Amino acid sequence: MNADLSIITLISEASLLVKLVMLALFAISLYSWLLIFRKRAELNQAKADADSFEDKFWSGNELNKLYDDISSRPHASRGMEGIFEVGFKEFVRLKKAAPDSGLVLEGSQRVMRISLAREIDQLEMSLPFLATAGSTSPYIGLFGTVWGIMNSFRALGDVQQATLSMVAPGIAEALIATAMGLFAAIPAVIAYNRYSHEVERLINRYDTFLEEFSSILQRQHD
């Protein structure tokens, strides 16, 4: 094996299985970073939308006017706006159809809970992949390392006298797989922990708004 220990040379001269492991880890890392940037933008937008809607909702405007403004938009409402829109729409519909305040409020809360569940599903999208990448990438890299070291020591069986220079390149190329596994795992773990916390806080905001809005609807009906 060539004594050149540059990273490019070590990767190019690695065994086929180790190369496949490195390629898989590179793909995992690349896709993880894509999800990290995409999720960052999505959560920033969700928090900005929530702040903007709360300012409008608690500014004292009439609910009918706020609903008309939101429902007249060409795009579908998301986040708190979406919860408010479906809840108020159902409230108005049931209030006309049934005089029972319990049924009206129960129906409104039910559709808002459904909307909240959809928002939670959207917010949590991509997080499972980051968690999986963070937990499995080191083991994938370790597998490539173990395989590469096995090949290095197996090659020593064909020589009479083993030297460090003979096994160093094989061990070095194998350890690159471990390094790539850590490179793929560490950002994914950090992003998953950070984003999970932010998603949980957003969900709590949505749920709190849902309860507050339900109380407002109950007072309006009464």
C-alpha atoms as a PDB file:
ATOM      1  CA  MET A   1       0.000   0.000   0.000  1.00  0.00           C
ATOM      2  CA  ASN A   2       1.257   3.534  -0.740  1.00  0.00           C
ATOM      3  CA  ALA A   3       2.901   5.266   2.225  1.00  0.00           C
ATOM      4  CA  ASP A   4       1.201   8.539   1.312  1.00  0.00           C
ATOM      5  CA  LEU A   5      -1.105   9.308   4.242  1.00  0.00           C
ATOM      6  CA  SER A   6      -3.019  12.219   2.702  1.00  0.00           C
ATOM      7  CA  ILE A   7      -6.768  11.973   3.218  1.00  0.00           C
ATOM      8  CA  ILE A   8      -7.556  11.858  -0.507  1.00  0.00           C
ATOM      9  CA  THR A   9      -5.068   9.035  -1.052  1.00  0.00           C
ATOM     10  CA  LEU A  10      -6.344   7.096   1.941  1.00  0.00           C
ATOM     11  CA  ILE A  11      -9.933   7.355   0.737  1.00  0.00           C
ATOM     12  CA  SER A  12      -9.067   6.433  -2.844  1.00  0.00           C
ATOM     13  CA  GLU A  13      -7.079   3.378  -1.725  1.00  0.00           C
ATOM     14  CA  ALA A  14      -9.621   2.180   0.847  1.00  0.00           C
ATOM     15  CA  SER A  15     -11.386  -1.117   0.323  1.00  0.00           C
ATOM     16  CA  LEU A  16     -14.711  -1.137  -1.522  1.00  0.00           C
ATOM     17  CA  LEU A  17     -16.790  -1.669   1.621  1.00  0.00           C
ATOM     18  CA  VAL A  18     -15.065   1.178   3.466  1.00  0.00           C
ATOM     19  CA  LYS A  19     -15.632   3.427   0.454  1.00  0.00           C
ATOM     20  CA  LEU A  20     -19.325   2.531   0.482  1.00  0.00           C
ATOM     21  CA  VAL A  21     -19.504   3.332   4.194  1.00  0.00           C
ATOM     22  CA  MET A  22     -17.841   6.703   3.595  1.00  0.00           C
ATOM     23  CA  LEU A  23     -20.202   7.427   0.706  1.00  0.00           C
ATOM     24  CA  ALA A  24     -23.228   6.581   2.861  1.00  0.00           C
ATOM     25  CA  LEU A  25     -21.979   8.823   5.663  1.00  0.00           C
ATOM     26  CA  PHE A  26     -21.316  11.654   3.222  1.00  0.00           C
ATOM     27  CA  ALA A  27     -24.871  11.337   1.860  1.00  0.00           C
ATOM     28  CA  ILE A  28     -26.319  11.270   5.397  1.00  0.00           C
ATOM     29  CA  SER A  29     -24.314  14.333   6.365  1.00  0.00           C
ATOM     30  CA  LEU A  30     -25.282  16.243   3.238  1.00  0.00           C
ATOM     31  CA  TYR A  31     -28.994  15.485   3.674  1.00  0.00           C
ATOM     32  CA  SER A  32     -28.800  16.323   7.399  1.00  0.00           C
ATOM     33  CA  TRP A  33     -27.376  19.747   6.664  1.00  0.00           C
ATOM     34  CA  LEU A  34     -30.095  20.309   4.057  1.00  0.00           C
ATOM     35  CA  LEU A  35     -32.762  19.480   6.660  1.00  0.00           C
ATOM     36  CA  ILE A  36     -31.013  21.612   9.295  1.00  0.00           C
ATOM     37  CA  PHE A  37     -31.112  24.749   7.145  1.00  0.00           C
ATOM     38  CA  ARG A  38     -34.631  24.036   5.897  1.00  0.00           C
ATOM     39  CA  LYS A  39     -35.950  23.403   9.419  1.00  0.00           C
ATOM     40  CA  ARG A  40     -34.239  26.536  10.722  1.00  0.00           C
ATOM     41  CA  ALA A  41     -36.047  28.663   8.128  1.00  0.00           C
ATOM     42  CA  GLU A  42     -39.355  26.882   8.792  1.00  0.00           C
ATOM     43  CA  LEU A  43     -39.204  27.394  12.569  1.00  0.00           C
ATOM     44  CA  ASN A  44     -38.168  31.031  12.194  1.00  0.00           C
ATOM     45  CA  GLN A  45     -41.155  31.591   9.916  1.00  0.00           C
ATOM     46  CA  ALA A  46     -43.517  29.769  12.275  1.00  0.00           C
ATOM     47  CA  LYS A  47     -42.400  31.895  15.248  1.00  0.00           C
ATOM     48  CA  ALA A  48     -42.675  35.108  13.221  1.00  0.00           C
ATOM     49  CA  ASP A  49     -46.180  34.155  12.051  1.00  0.00           C
ATOM     50  CA  ALA A  50     -47.238  33.330  15.621  1.00  0.00           C
ATOM     51  CA  ASP A  51     -45.923  36.668  16.904  1.00  0.00           C
ATOM     52  CA  SER A  52     -47.661  38.561  14.111  1.00  0.00           C
ATOM     53  CA  PHE A  53     -50.989  36.805  14.625  1.00  0.00           C
ATOM     54  CA  GLU A  54     -50.937  37.244  18.402  1.00  0.00           C
ATOM     55  CA  ASP A  55     -50.397  40.977  17.926  1.00  0.00           C
ATOM     56  CA  LYS A  56     -53.468  41.131  15.667  1.00  0.00           C
ATOM     57  CA  PHE A  57     -55.576  38.843  17.836  1.00  0.00           C
ATOM     58  CA  TRP A  58     -54.961  40.707  21.104  1.00  0.00           C
ATOM     59  CA  SER A  59     -55.107  44.173  19.539  1.00  0.00           C
ATOM     60  CA  GLY A  60     -58.850  44.397  20.184  1.00  0.00           C
ATOM     61  CA  ASN A  61     -60.054  43.849  16.622  1.00  0.00           C
ATOM     62  CA  GLU A  62     -63.383  42.124  16.129  1.00  0.00           C
ATOM     63  CA  LEU A  63     -63.110  38.376  15.567  1.00  0.00           C
ATOM     64  CA  ASN A  64     -65.386  38.574  12.530  1.00  0.00           C
ATOM     65  CA  LYS A  65     -63.118  41.116  10.878  1.00  0.00           C
ATOM     66  CA  LEU A  66     -60.007  39.130  11.721  1.00  0.00           C
ATOM     67  CA  TYR A  67     -61.587  35.945  10.337  1.00  0.00           C
ATOM     68  CA  ASP A  68     -62.648  37.680   7.115  1.00  0.00           C
ATOM     69  CA  ASP A  69     -59.134  39.035   6.646  1.00  0.00           C
ATOM     70  CA  ILE A  70     -57.535  35.610   7.123  1.00  0.00           C
ATOM     71  CA  SER A  71     -60.070  33.595   5.101  1.00  0.00           C
ATOM     72  CA  SER A  72     -59.857  35.992   2.140  1.00  0.00           C
ATOM     73  CA  ARG A  73     -56.182  35.221   1.569  1.00  0.00           C
ATOM     74  CA  PRO A  74     -55.354  33.000  -1.412  1.00  0.00           C
ATOM     75  CA  HIS A  75     -52.984  30.746   0.535  1.00  0.00           C
ATOM     76  CA  ALA A  76     -53.944  28.331   3.291  1.00  0.00           C
ATOM     77  CA  SER A  77     -53.512  29.528   6.868  1.00  0.00           C
ATOM     78  CA  ARG A  78     -50.907  27.888   9.075  1.00  0.00           C
ATOM     79  CA  GLY A  79     -50.072  27.834  12.745  1.00  0.00           C
ATOM     80  CA  MET A  80     -52.227  29.921  15.059  1.00  0.00           C
ATOM     81  CA  GLU A  81     -53.992  31.509  12.102  1.00  0.00           C
ATOM     82  CA  GLY A  82     -55.058  28.088  10.874  1.00  0.00           C
ATOM     83  CA  ILE A  83     -56.298  27.061  14.319  1.00  0.00           C
ATOM     84  CA  PHE A  84     -58.229  30.303  14.676  1.00  0.00           C
ATOM     85  CA  GLU A  85     -59.730  30.093  11.193  1.00  0.00           C
ATOM     86  CA  VAL A  86     -61.111  26.563  11.478  1.00  0.00           C
ATOM     87  CA  GLY A  87     -62.257  27.117  15.061  1.00  0.00           C
ATOM     88  CA  PHE A  88     -64.125  30.347  14.378  1.00  0.00           C
ATOM     89  CA  LYS A  89     -65.631  28.991  11.176  1.00  0.00           C
ATOM     90  CA  GLU A  90     -66.976  25.939  12.994  1.00  0.00           C
ATOM     91  CA  PHE A  91     -68.169  28.102  15.888  1.00  0.00           C
ATOM     92  CA  VAL A  92     -70.238  30.311  13.579  1.00  0.00           C
ATOM     93  CA  ARG A  93     -71.640  27.315  11.704  1.00  0.00           C
ATOM     94  CA  LEU A  94     -72.660  25.422  14.843  1.00  0.00           C
ATOM     95  CA  LYS A  95     -74.022  28.516  16.542  1.00  0.00           C
ATOM     96  CA  LYS A  96     -76.482  28.953  13.679  1.00  0.00           C
ATOM     97  CA  ALA A  97     -77.410  25.272  13.619  1.00  0.00           C
ATOM     98  CA  ALA A  98     -77.566  24.378  17.315  1.00  0.00           C
ATOM     99  CA  PRO A  99     -78.476  26.566  20.296  1.00  0.00           C
ATOM    100  CA  ASP A 100     -76.737  24.251  22.775  1.00  0.00           C
ATOM    101  CA  SER A 101     -73.576  26.078  23.887  1.00  0.00           C
ATOM    102  CA  GLY A 102     -71.940  22.806  24.960  1.00  0.00           C
ATOM    103  CA  LEU A 103     -72.234  21.303  21.500  1.00  0.00           C
ATOM    104  CA  VAL A 104     -71.046  24.509  19.847  1.00  0.00           C
ATOM    105  CA  LEU A 105     -67.923  24.769  21.981  1.00  0.00           C
ATOM    106  CA  GLU A 106     -67.210  21.055  21.814  1.00  0.00           C
ATOM    107  CA  GLY A 107     -67.420  21.076  18.019  1.00  0.00           C
ATOM    108  CA  SER A 108     -65.192  24.149  17.771  1.00  0.00           C
ATOM    109  CA  GLN A 109     -62.583  22.657  20.060  1.00  0.00           C
ATOM    110  CA  ARG A 110     -62.646  19.388  18.157  1.00  0.00           C
ATOM    111  CA  VAL A 111     -61.781  20.965  14.804  1.00  0.00           C
ATOM    112  CA  MET A 112     -59.129  23.136  16.462  1.00  0.00           C
ATOM    113  CA  ARG A 113     -57.555  20.045  18.046  1.00  0.00           C
ATOM    114  CA  ILE A 114     -57.470  18.401  14.623  1.00  0.00           C
ATOM    115  CA  SER A 115     -55.801  21.492  13.165  1.00  0.00           C
ATOM    116  CA  LEU A 116     -53.327  21.532  16.063  1.00  0.00           C
ATOM    117  CA  ALA A 117     -52.461  17.878  15.453  1.00  0.00           C
ATOM    118  CA  ARG A 118     -51.697  18.684  11.815  1.00  0.00           C
ATOM    119  CA  GLU A 119     -49.493  21.585  12.837  1.00  0.00           C
ATOM    120  CA  ILE A 120     -47.616  19.354  15.280  1.00  0.00           C
ATOM    121  CA  ASP A 121     -47.071  16.778  12.565  1.00  0.00           C
ATOM    122  CA  GLN A 122     -45.696  19.457  10.246  1.00  0.00           C
ATOM    123  CA  LEU A 123     -43.424  20.951  12.916  1.00  0.00           C
ATOM    124  CA  GLU A 124     -41.997  17.553  13.854  1.00  0.00           C
ATOM    125  CA  MET A 125     -41.334  16.566  10.245  1.00  0.00           C
ATOM    126  CA  SER A 126     -37.632  15.834   9.539  1.00  0.00           C
ATOM    127  CA  LEU A 127     -36.766  15.583  13.243  1.00  0.00           C
ATOM    128  CA  PRO A 128     -36.877  11.750  13.234  1.00  0.00           C
ATOM    129  CA  PHE A 129     -34.271  11.655  10.453  1.00  0.00           C
ATOM    130  CA  LEU A 130     -31.951  13.963  12.404  1.00  0.00           C
ATOM    131  CA  ALA A 131     -32.374  11.790  15.485  1.00  0.00           C
ATOM    132  CA  THR A 132     -31.663   8.639  13.476  1.00  0.00           C
ATOM    133  CA  ALA A 133     -28.640  10.185  11.754  1.00  0.00           C
ATOM    134  CA  GLY A 134     -27.260  11.359  15.064  1.00  0.00           C
ATOM    135  CA  SER A 135     -27.637   7.990  16.762  1.00  0.00           C
ATOM    136  CA  THR A 136     -26.578   5.650  13.943  1.00  0.00           C
ATOM    137  CA  SER A 137     -23.857   7.527  12.032  1.00  0.00           C
ATOM    138  CA  PRO A 138     -21.113   6.807  14.604  1.00  0.00           C
ATOM    139  CA  TYR A 139     -21.911   3.094  14.444  1.00  0.00           C
ATOM    140  CA  ILE A 140     -21.871   3.112  10.651  1.00  0.00           C
ATOM    141  CA  GLY A 141     -18.474   4.786  10.752  1.00  0.00           C
ATOM    142  CA  LEU A 142     -17.294   2.349  13.398  1.00  0.00           C
ATOM    143  CA  PHE A 143     -18.316  -0.546  11.168  1.00  0.00           C
ATOM    144  CA  GLY A 144     -16.154   0.849   8.361  1.00  0.00           C
ATOM    145  CA  THR A 145     -13.288   1.324  10.813  1.00  0.00           C
ATOM    146  CA  VAL A 146     -13.492  -2.222  12.135  1.00  0.00           C
ATOM    147  CA  TRP A 147     -13.628  -3.626   8.621  1.00  0.00           C
ATOM    148  CA  GLY A 148     -10.630  -1.573   7.502  1.00  0.00           C
ATOM    149  CA  ILE A 149      -8.557  -2.595  10.531  1.00  0.00           C
ATOM    150  CA  MET A 150      -9.490  -6.240   9.973  1.00  0.00           C
ATOM    151  CA  ASN A 151      -8.211  -6.000   6.400  1.00  0.00           C
ATOM    152  CA  SER A 152      -4.976  -4.379   7.582  1.00  0.00           C
ATOM    153  CA  PHE A 153      -4.230  -7.071  10.131  1.00  0.00           C
ATOM    154  CA  ARG A 154      -5.271  -9.818   7.756  1.00  0.00           C
ATOM    155  CA  ALA A 155      -2.729  -8.510   5.253  1.00  0.00           C
ATOM    156  CA  LEU A 156      -0.019  -8.893   7.892  1.00  0.00           C
ATOM    157  CA  GLY A 157      -0.488 -12.636   7.817  1.00  0.00           C
ATOM    158  CA  ASP A 158       1.205 -12.765   4.421  1.00  0.00           C
ATOM    159  CA  VAL A 159       4.449 -11.132   5.545  1.00  0.00           C
ATOM    160  CA  GLN A 160       7.300 -12.432   7.667  1.00  0.00           C
ATOM    161  CA  GLN A 161       8.012  -9.248   9.572  1.00  0.00           C
ATOM    162  CA  ALA A 162       5.358  -6.627  10.329  1.00  0.00           C
ATOM    163  CA  THR A 163       6.243  -2.960  10.644  1.00  0.00           C
ATOM    164  CA  LEU A 164       4.233   0.094  11.650  1.00  0.00           C
ATOM    165  CA  SER A 165       4.598   1.562   8.171  1.00  0.00           C
ATOM    166  CA  MET A 166       2.782  -1.455   6.762  1.00  0.00           C
ATOM    167  CA  VAL A 167      -0.327  -1.148   8.940  1.00  0.00           C
ATOM    168  CA  ALA A 168      -0.430   2.641   9.405  1.00  0.00           C
ATOM    169  CA  PRO A 169      -2.113   3.472   6.059  1.00  0.00           C
ATOM    170  CA  GLY A 170      -4.784   0.788   6.521  1.00  0.00           C
ATOM    171  CA  ILE A 171      -5.577   1.891  10.058  1.00  0.00           C
ATOM    172  CA  ALA A 172      -5.576   5.563   9.017  1.00  0.00           C
ATOM    173  CA  GLU A 173      -8.042   4.958   6.181  1.00  0.00           C
ATOM    174  CA  ALA A 174     -10.242   2.983   8.540  1.00  0.00           C
ATOM    175  CA  LEU A 175     -10.266   5.765  11.129  1.00  0.00           C
ATOM    176  CA  ILE A 176     -11.450   8.217   8.485  1.00  0.00           C
ATOM    177  CA  ALA A 177     -14.760   6.335   8.501  1.00  0.00           C
ATOM    178  CA  THR A 178     -15.100   6.958  12.236  1.00  0.00           C
ATOM    179  CA  ALA A 179     -14.301  10.638  11.757  1.00  0.00           C
ATOM    180  CA  MET A 180     -16.922  10.919   9.011  1.00  0.00           C
ATOM    181  CA  GLY A 181     -19.442   9.172  11.245  1.00  0.00           C
ATOM    182  CA  LEU A 182     -18.857  11.750  13.977  1.00  0.00           C
ATOM    183  CA  PHE A 183     -18.957  14.579  11.439  1.00  0.00           C
ATOM    184  CA  ALA A 184     -22.377  13.388  10.305  1.00  0.00           C
ATOM    185  CA  ALA A 185     -23.697  12.675  13.810  1.00  0.00           C
ATOM    186  CA  ILE A 186     -22.669  15.719  15.856  1.00  0.00           C
ATOM    187  CA  PRO A 187     -24.518  18.422  13.841  1.00  0.00           C
ATOM    188  CA  ALA A 188     -27.584  16.175  13.569  1.00  0.00           C
ATOM    189  CA  VAL A 189     -27.710  15.606  17.341  1.00  0.00           C
ATOM    190  CA  ILE A 190     -27.233  19.311  18.123  1.00  0.00           C
ATOM    191  CA  ALA A 191     -29.903  20.330  15.604  1.00  0.00           C
ATOM    192  CA  TYR A 192     -32.337  17.672  16.818  1.00  0.00           C
ATOM    193  CA  ASN A 193     -32.028  18.752  20.460  1.00  0.00           C
ATOM    194  CA  ARG A 194     -32.318  22.442  19.593  1.00  0.00           C
ATOM    195  CA  TYR A 195     -35.215  22.047  17.184  1.00  0.00           C
ATOM    196  CA  SER A 196     -37.115  19.641  19.435  1.00  0.00           C
ATOM    197  CA  HIS A 197     -37.029  22.262  22.177  1.00  0.00           C
ATOM    198  CA  GLU A 198     -38.218  24.995  19.818  1.00  0.00           C
ATOM    199  CA  VAL A 199     -40.983  22.785  18.418  1.00  0.00           C
ATOM    200  CA  GLU A 200     -42.160  21.972  21.934  1.00  0.00           C
ATOM    201  CA  ARG A 201     -42.325  25.662  22.788  1.00  0.00           C
ATOM    202  CA  LEU A 202     -44.317  26.398  19.629  1.00  0.00           C
ATOM    203  CA  ILE A 203     -46.724  23.563  20.383  1.00  0.00           C
ATOM    204  CA  ASN A 204     -47.235  24.941  23.889  1.00  0.00           C
ATOM    205  CA  ARG A 205     -47.980  28.368  22.407  1.00  0.00           C
ATOM    206  CA  TYR A 206     -50.504  26.866  20.015  1.00  0.00           C
ATOM    207  CA  ASP A 207     -52.151  24.845  22.763  1.00  0.00           C
ATOM    208  CA  THR A 208     -52.318  27.841  25.091  1.00  0.00           C
ATOM    209  CA  PHE A 209     -53.892  29.944  22.360  1.00  0.00           C
ATOM    210  CA  LEU A 210     -56.419  27.200  21.674  1.00  0.00           C
ATOM    211  CA  GLU A 211     -57.529  27.197  25.321  1.00  0.00           C
ATOM    212  CA  GLU A 212     -57.671  30.992  25.500  1.00  0.00           C
ATOM    213  CA  PHE A 213     -59.616  31.213  22.257  1.00  0.00           C
ATOM    214  CA  SER A 214     -62.040  28.547  23.498  1.00  0.00           C
ATOM    215  CA  SER A 215     -62.698  30.668  26.601  1.00  0.00           C
ATOM    216  CA  ILE A 216     -63.353  33.709  24.411  1.00  0.00           C
ATOM    217  CA  LEU A 217     -65.788  31.741  22.248  1.00  0.00           C
ATOM    218  CA  GLN A 218     -67.596  30.512  25.332  1.00  0.00           C
ATOM    219  CA  ARG A 219     -68.035  34.073  26.625  1.00  0.00           C
ATOM    220  CA  GLN A 220     -69.215  35.203  23.208  1.00  0.00           C
ATOM    221  CA  HIS A 221     -71.791  32.429  23.008  1.00  0.00           C
ATOM    222  CA  ASP A 222     -73.053  33.093  26.515  1.00  0.00           C
END
